[in-house]
Amino acid sequence: MNNKQTRVEKDSMGEIEVPADALYGAQTQRAVNNFPISGSMLPRPVIRALGLIKHACATTNHHLALLDEARTVAITLASAAVAEGRYDDQFPIDVF
């Protein structure tokens, strides 16, 4: 991981170093390490769509009384930030 600071994450396969500022965990880092196939990352419109879908799901589940207010607020704020592009660097997996 060069000179970047890392943290150790654990999953069913053991421990792995992940960038300290990453919002993802061990399994995403394993995919990054093991499948650098094309160098192509998820297109911006796909990441935006993921954020919009997550936002809609949280809102719907709240209206159906399946998700409490605090979680709804947290998820809708985070998913809006994803849709706006503020976390594009947190989707590092090669699309192929």
Protein backbone atom coordinates (compact mmCIF):
# COMPACT_ATOMS: atom_id res chain seq x y z
CA MET A 1 0.00 0.00 0.00
CA ASN A 2 2.95 2.31 -0.59
CA ASN A 3 3.35 5.18 1.91
CA LYS A 4 -0.35 5.66 2.57
CA GLN A 5 -1.66 5.05 6.05
CA THR A 6 -3.70 1.90 6.43
CA ARG A 7 -5.83 0.10 8.94
CA VAL A 8 -6.29 -3.63 9.38
CA GLU A 9 -9.71 -5.07 8.54
CA LYS A 10 -10.78 -8.65 9.19
CA ASP A 11 -13.18 -10.94 7.37
CA SER A 12 -13.68 -14.68 6.97
CA MET A 13 -10.43 -14.90 4.98
CA GLY A 14 -8.31 -13.18 7.62
CA GLU A 15 -6.73 -9.76 7.93
CA ILE A 16 -5.99 -7.26 5.16
CA GLU A 17 -4.72 -3.70 5.05
CA VAL A 18 -7.21 -1.11 3.81
CA PRO A 19 -6.52 2.61 3.26
CA ALA A 20 -7.13 4.37 6.58
CA ASP A 21 -9.57 6.83 5.00
CA ALA A 22 -11.57 4.20 3.09
CA LEU A 23 -15.24 3.80 3.92
CA TYR A 24 -15.14 0.23 2.63
CA GLY A 25 -13.78 -2.88 4.27
CA ALA A 26 -11.88 -6.10 3.75
CA GLN A 27 -13.93 -7.66 0.96
CA THR A 28 -13.79 -4.56 -1.23
CA GLN A 29 -10.03 -4.33 -0.72
CA ARG A 30 -9.66 -8.00 -1.65
CA ALA A 31 -11.58 -7.36 -4.88
CA VAL A 32 -9.36 -4.36 -5.66
CA ASN A 33 -6.22 -6.43 -5.06
CA ASN A 34 -7.35 -9.60 -6.83
CA PHE A 35 -9.20 -8.28 -9.88
CA PRO A 36 -7.36 -5.33 -11.46
CA ILE A 37 -8.60 -6.41 -14.89
CA SER A 38 -9.38 -3.35 -16.98
CA GLY A 39 -8.60 -0.25 -14.93
CA SER A 40 -12.20 0.86 -15.55
CA MET A 41 -14.18 1.88 -12.50
CA LEU A 42 -17.94 2.18 -12.11
CA PRO A 43 -19.26 4.98 -14.31
CA ARG A 44 -20.52 8.08 -12.47
CA PRO A 45 -24.14 7.49 -13.62
CA VAL A 46 -24.12 4.00 -12.06
CA ILE A 47 -22.81 5.31 -8.73
CA ARG A 48 -25.44 8.08 -8.85
CA ALA A 49 -28.15 5.49 -9.50
CA LEU A 50 -27.00 3.41 -6.53
CA GLY A 51 -27.32 6.46 -4.29
CA LEU A 52 -30.77 7.33 -5.65
CA ILE A 53 -32.02 3.76 -5.22
CA LYS A 54 -30.73 3.55 -1.65
CA HIS A 55 -32.38 6.90 -0.87
CA ALA A 56 -35.71 5.75 -2.32
CA CYS A 57 -35.55 2.45 -0.41
CA ALA A 58 -34.86 4.18 2.90
CA THR A 59 -37.69 6.65 2.37
CA THR A 60 -40.13 3.91 1.37
CA ASN A 61 -39.18 1.68 4.29
CA HIS A 62 -39.64 4.62 6.66
CA HIS A 63 -43.12 5.33 5.25
CA LEU A 64 -43.96 1.64 5.77
CA ALA A 65 -42.76 1.90 9.40
CA LEU A 66 -39.98 -0.61 8.68
CA LEU A 67 -37.14 1.86 9.31
CA ASP A 68 -36.91 4.25 12.24
CA GLU A 69 -36.37 8.00 11.89
CA ALA A 70 -32.70 8.06 12.93
CA ARG A 71 -31.67 5.36 10.47
CA THR A 72 -33.77 6.93 7.74
CA VAL A 73 -32.04 10.28 8.20
CA ALA A 74 -28.59 8.68 8.26
CA ILE A 75 -29.22 6.60 5.15
CA THR A 76 -30.88 9.39 3.16
CA LEU A 77 -28.08 11.85 3.96
CA ALA A 78 -25.38 9.34 3.04
CA SER A 79 -27.14 8.15 -0.11
CA ALA A 80 -27.73 11.74 -1.26
CA ALA A 81 -23.99 12.38 -0.84
CA VAL A 82 -23.26 9.28 -2.93
CA ALA A 83 -25.71 10.42 -5.62
CA GLU A 84 -24.07 13.88 -5.64
CA GLY A 85 -20.65 12.34 -6.28
CA ARG A 86 -19.00 13.09 -2.94
CA TYR A 87 -17.92 9.46 -2.46
CA ASP A 88 -16.98 8.35 -5.97
CA ASP A 89 -13.51 7.40 -4.73
CA GLN A 90 -15.12 4.88 -2.37
CA PHE A 91 -16.18 2.69 -5.32
CA PRO A 92 -12.74 1.38 -6.38
CA ILE A 93 -13.65 -2.02 -7.80
CA ASP A 94 -12.86 -2.74 -11.45
CA VAL A 95 -16.11 -3.15 -13.39
CA PHE A 96 -14.86 -6.22 -15.23
